[in-house]
C-alpha atoms as a PDB file:
ATOM      1  CA  MET A   1     -41.385 -42.126 -20.182  1.00  0.00           C
ATOM      2  CA  ALA A   2     -44.186 -44.269 -21.594  1.00  0.00           C
ATOM      3  CA  PHE A   3     -46.882 -45.815 -19.431  1.00  0.00           C
ATOM      4  CA  SER A   4     -46.872 -49.533 -18.809  1.00  0.00           C
ATOM      5  CA  LYS A   5     -49.727 -51.524 -20.336  1.00  0.00           C
ATOM      6  CA  THR A   6     -51.568 -51.674 -17.020  1.00  0.00           C
ATOM      7  CA  ASN A   7     -51.191 -47.967 -16.250  1.00  0.00           C
ATOM      8  CA  ARG A   8     -52.291 -47.052 -19.778  1.00  0.00           C
ATOM      9  CA  ARG A   9     -55.412 -49.217 -19.418  1.00  0.00           C
ATOM     10  CA  LEU A  10     -56.240 -47.702 -16.011  1.00  0.00           C
ATOM     11  CA  LYS A  11     -55.861 -44.182 -17.417  1.00  0.00           C
ATOM     12  CA  ILE A  12     -58.244 -45.002 -20.282  1.00  0.00           C
ATOM     13  CA  ARG A  13     -60.604 -46.701 -17.795  1.00  0.00           C
ATOM     14  CA  LYS A  14     -60.802 -43.537 -15.667  1.00  0.00           C
ATOM     15  CA  ARG A  15     -61.525 -41.448 -18.760  1.00  0.00           C
ATOM     16  CA  ILE A  16     -64.353 -43.798 -19.764  1.00  0.00           C
ATOM     17  CA  ARG A  17     -65.858 -44.011 -16.267  1.00  0.00           C
ATOM     18  CA  LYS A  18     -65.912 -40.225 -15.931  1.00  0.00           C
ATOM     19  CA  ASN A  19     -68.682 -40.073 -18.554  1.00  0.00           C
ATOM     20  CA  LEU A  20     -70.416 -43.418 -17.983  1.00  0.00           C
ATOM     21  CA  ALA A  21     -72.644 -44.475 -15.089  1.00  0.00           C
ATOM     22  CA  GLY A  22     -75.221 -47.204 -14.674  1.00  0.00           C
ATOM     23  CA  THR A  23     -78.727 -46.720 -13.320  1.00  0.00           C
ATOM     24  CA  ALA A  24     -81.514 -49.131 -12.439  1.00  0.00           C
ATOM     25  CA  ASN A  25     -83.101 -48.641 -15.886  1.00  0.00           C
ATOM     26  CA  LYS A  26     -79.832 -48.683 -17.827  1.00  0.00           C
ATOM     27  CA  PRO A  27     -77.079 -50.472 -15.874  1.00  0.00           C
ATOM     28  CA  ARG A  28     -73.422 -50.499 -16.829  1.00  0.00           C
ATOM     29  CA  LEU A  29     -72.141 -53.687 -18.495  1.00  0.00           C
ATOM     30  CA  ALA A  30     -68.593 -53.846 -17.123  1.00  0.00           C
ATOM     31  CA  VAL A  31     -66.036 -56.186 -18.699  1.00  0.00           C
ATOM     32  CA  PHE A  32     -62.861 -57.522 -17.098  1.00  0.00           C
ATOM     33  CA  ARG A  33     -60.467 -59.584 -19.153  1.00  0.00           C
ATOM     34  CA  SER A  34     -57.650 -61.623 -17.649  1.00  0.00           C
ATOM     35  CA  ASN A  35     -55.207 -63.753 -19.599  1.00  0.00           C
ATOM     36  CA  LYS A  36     -57.323 -66.901 -19.209  1.00  0.00           C
ATOM     37  CA  GLU A  37     -60.843 -65.806 -18.283  1.00  0.00           C
ATOM     38  CA  ILE A  38     -63.380 -63.069 -19.059  1.00  0.00           C
ATOM     39  CA  TYR A  39     -65.921 -61.590 -16.654  1.00  0.00           C
ATOM     40  CA  ALA A  40     -68.987 -59.413 -17.227  1.00  0.00           C
ATOM     41  CA  GLN A  41     -71.381 -57.819 -14.783  1.00  0.00           C
ATOM     42  CA  LEU A  42     -74.310 -55.424 -14.804  1.00  0.00           C
ATOM     43  CA  ILE A  43     -73.834 -52.682 -12.227  1.00  0.00           C
ATOM     44  CA  ASN A  44     -76.259 -50.104 -10.844  1.00  0.00           C
ATOM     45  CA  ASP A  45     -73.867 -47.289  -9.864  1.00  0.00           C
ATOM     46  CA  VAL A  46     -76.564 -45.283  -8.091  1.00  0.00           C
ATOM     47  CA  GLU A  47     -77.002 -47.997  -5.450  1.00  0.00           C
ATOM     48  CA  GLY A  48     -73.519 -49.465  -5.874  1.00  0.00           C
ATOM     49  CA  ALA A  49     -74.970 -52.913  -6.493  1.00  0.00           C
ATOM     50  CA  THR A  50     -74.244 -55.682  -8.955  1.00  0.00           C
ATOM     51  CA  ILE A  51     -77.439 -56.848 -10.651  1.00  0.00           C
ATOM     52  CA  VAL A  52     -76.090 -59.826 -12.634  1.00  0.00           C
ATOM     53  CA  ALA A  53     -72.621 -61.325 -13.031  1.00  0.00           C
ATOM     54  CA  VAL A  54     -71.319 -63.988 -15.436  1.00  0.00           C
ATOM     55  CA  SER A  55     -67.837 -65.284 -16.094  1.00  0.00           C
ATOM     56  CA  SER A  56     -66.146 -67.902 -18.219  1.00  0.00           C
ATOM     57  CA  ARG A  57     -65.484 -69.811 -14.979  1.00  0.00           C
ATOM     58  CA  ASP A  58     -69.195 -70.499 -14.412  1.00  0.00           C
ATOM     59  CA  LYS A  59     -70.314 -74.102 -14.688  1.00  0.00           C
ATOM     60  CA  GLU A  60     -73.082 -73.388 -17.232  1.00  0.00           C
ATOM     61  CA  ILE A  61     -70.578 -71.852 -19.697  1.00  0.00           C
ATOM     62  CA  ASP A  62     -69.045 -74.403 -22.058  1.00  0.00           C
ATOM     63  CA  ASN A  63     -65.286 -73.703 -22.043  1.00  0.00           C
ATOM     64  CA  THR A  64     -64.486 -75.419 -25.323  1.00  0.00           C
ATOM     65  CA  GLY A  65     -63.253 -73.396 -28.266  1.00  0.00           C
ATOM     66  CA  SER A  66     -61.145 -70.292 -28.594  1.00  0.00           C
ATOM     67  CA  LYS A  67     -61.127 -67.462 -26.069  1.00  0.00           C
ATOM     68  CA  SER A  68     -63.217 -65.317 -28.426  1.00  0.00           C
ATOM     69  CA  GLU A  69     -65.853 -68.058 -28.761  1.00  0.00           C
ATOM     70  CA  ILE A  70     -66.002 -68.410 -24.971  1.00  0.00           C
ATOM     71  CA  ALA A  71     -66.382 -64.611 -24.653  1.00  0.00           C
ATOM     72  CA  ALA A  72     -69.347 -64.734 -27.051  1.00  0.00           C
ATOM     73  CA  LYS A  73     -70.933 -67.435 -24.881  1.00  0.00           C
ATOM     74  CA  VAL A  74     -70.434 -65.250 -21.801  1.00  0.00           C
ATOM     75  CA  GLY A  75     -72.107 -62.365 -23.660  1.00  0.00           C
ATOM     76  CA  LYS A  76     -75.120 -64.515 -24.507  1.00  0.00           C
ATOM     77  CA  ALA A  77     -75.319 -65.767 -20.905  1.00  0.00           C
ATOM     78  CA  ILE A  78     -75.282 -62.253 -19.446  1.00  0.00           C
ATOM     79  CA  ALA A  79     -77.990 -61.217 -21.912  1.00  0.00           C
ATOM     80  CA  GLU A  80     -80.193 -64.121 -20.788  1.00  0.00           C
ATOM     81  CA  LYS A  81     -79.682 -63.308 -17.096  1.00  0.00           C
ATOM     82  CA  ALA A  82     -80.304 -59.615 -17.757  1.00  0.00           C
ATOM     83  CA  LYS A  83     -83.584 -60.400 -19.535  1.00  0.00           C
ATOM     84  CA  ALA A  84     -84.606 -62.503 -16.522  1.00  0.00           C
ATOM     85  CA  ALA A  85     -83.787 -59.553 -14.253  1.00  0.00           C
ATOM     86  CA  GLY A  86     -85.872 -57.220 -16.422  1.00  0.00           C
ATOM     87  CA  VAL A  87     -83.010 -55.311 -18.084  1.00  0.00           C
ATOM     88  CA  GLU A  88     -83.028 -54.656 -21.833  1.00  0.00           C
ATOM     89  CA  THR A  89     -80.713 -51.667 -22.383  1.00  0.00           C
ATOM     90  CA  VAL A  90     -77.204 -51.230 -20.983  1.00  0.00           C
ATOM     91  CA  SER A  91     -74.228 -48.888 -21.150  1.00  0.00           C
ATOM     92  CA  PHE A  92     -71.167 -50.808 -22.339  1.00  0.00           C
ATOM     93  CA  ASP A  93     -68.027 -50.267 -20.232  1.00  0.00           C
ATOM     94  CA  ARG A  94     -65.063 -51.867 -21.956  1.00  0.00           C
ATOM     95  CA  GLY A  95     -62.888 -51.252 -18.895  1.00  0.00           C
ATOM     96  CA  GLY A  96     -60.043 -49.570 -20.741  1.00  0.00           C
ATOM     97  CA  TYR A  97     -59.542 -52.469 -23.135  1.00  0.00           C
ATOM     98  CA  LEU A  98     -59.608 -51.917 -26.870  1.00  0.00           C
ATOM     99  CA  TYR A  99     -62.942 -52.776 -28.509  1.00  0.00           C
ATOM    100  CA  HIS A 100     -61.326 -55.675 -30.291  1.00  0.00           C
ATOM    101  CA  GLY A 101     -61.007 -59.442 -29.967  1.00  0.00           C
ATOM    102  CA  ARG A 102     -62.580 -60.922 -26.848  1.00  0.00           C
ATOM    103  CA  VAL A 103     -64.219 -57.673 -25.705  1.00  0.00           C
ATOM    104  CA  LYS A 104     -65.884 -57.265 -29.108  1.00  0.00           C
ATOM    105  CA  SER A 105     -66.963 -60.938 -29.103  1.00  0.00           C
ATOM    106  CA  LEU A 106     -68.578 -60.497 -25.682  1.00  0.00           C
ATOM    107  CA  ALA A 107     -70.434 -57.382 -26.880  1.00  0.00           C
ATOM    108  CA  ASP A 108     -71.614 -59.133 -30.043  1.00  0.00           C
ATOM    109  CA  GLY A 109     -72.788 -62.128 -28.008  1.00  0.00           C
ATOM    110  CA  ALA A 110     -74.731 -59.832 -25.671  1.00  0.00           C
ATOM    111  CA  ARG A 111     -76.363 -58.135 -28.666  1.00  0.00           C
ATOM    112  CA  GLU A 112     -77.308 -61.532 -30.122  1.00  0.00           C
ATOM    113  CA  GLY A 113     -78.838 -62.393 -26.747  1.00  0.00           C
ATOM    114  CA  GLY A 114     -81.079 -59.337 -27.000  1.00  0.00           C
ATOM    115  CA  LEU A 115     -79.326 -56.580 -25.058  1.00  0.00           C
ATOM    116  CA  LYS A 116     -79.363 -53.087 -26.544  1.00  0.00           C
ATOM    117  CA  PHE A 117     -76.348 -50.808 -26.141  1.00  0.00           C
END
């Protein structure tokens, strides 16, 4: 029997997280994508602490345009906040989603903002 979409994503997510961990110097850029919104956060897995978090629900993010355009804006916003927190390089955790569409737009926006993956 085939996995449901959610179970398939969680299985891929576990496989990714097995080999990926964030540190203070190189935190993990974790992405969560719901049907309407997109969320991104920088996580230090050694301390179990979130350094910076941005979502499409934040007031400073302009929610006009397509979902991919909004994801790019979120990527730029997290890059700006990361620079302010003193972070320049990150490990990208796509959270089991395909590197396609909104997840790719967020990553491209973060790269435009100055983050290095």
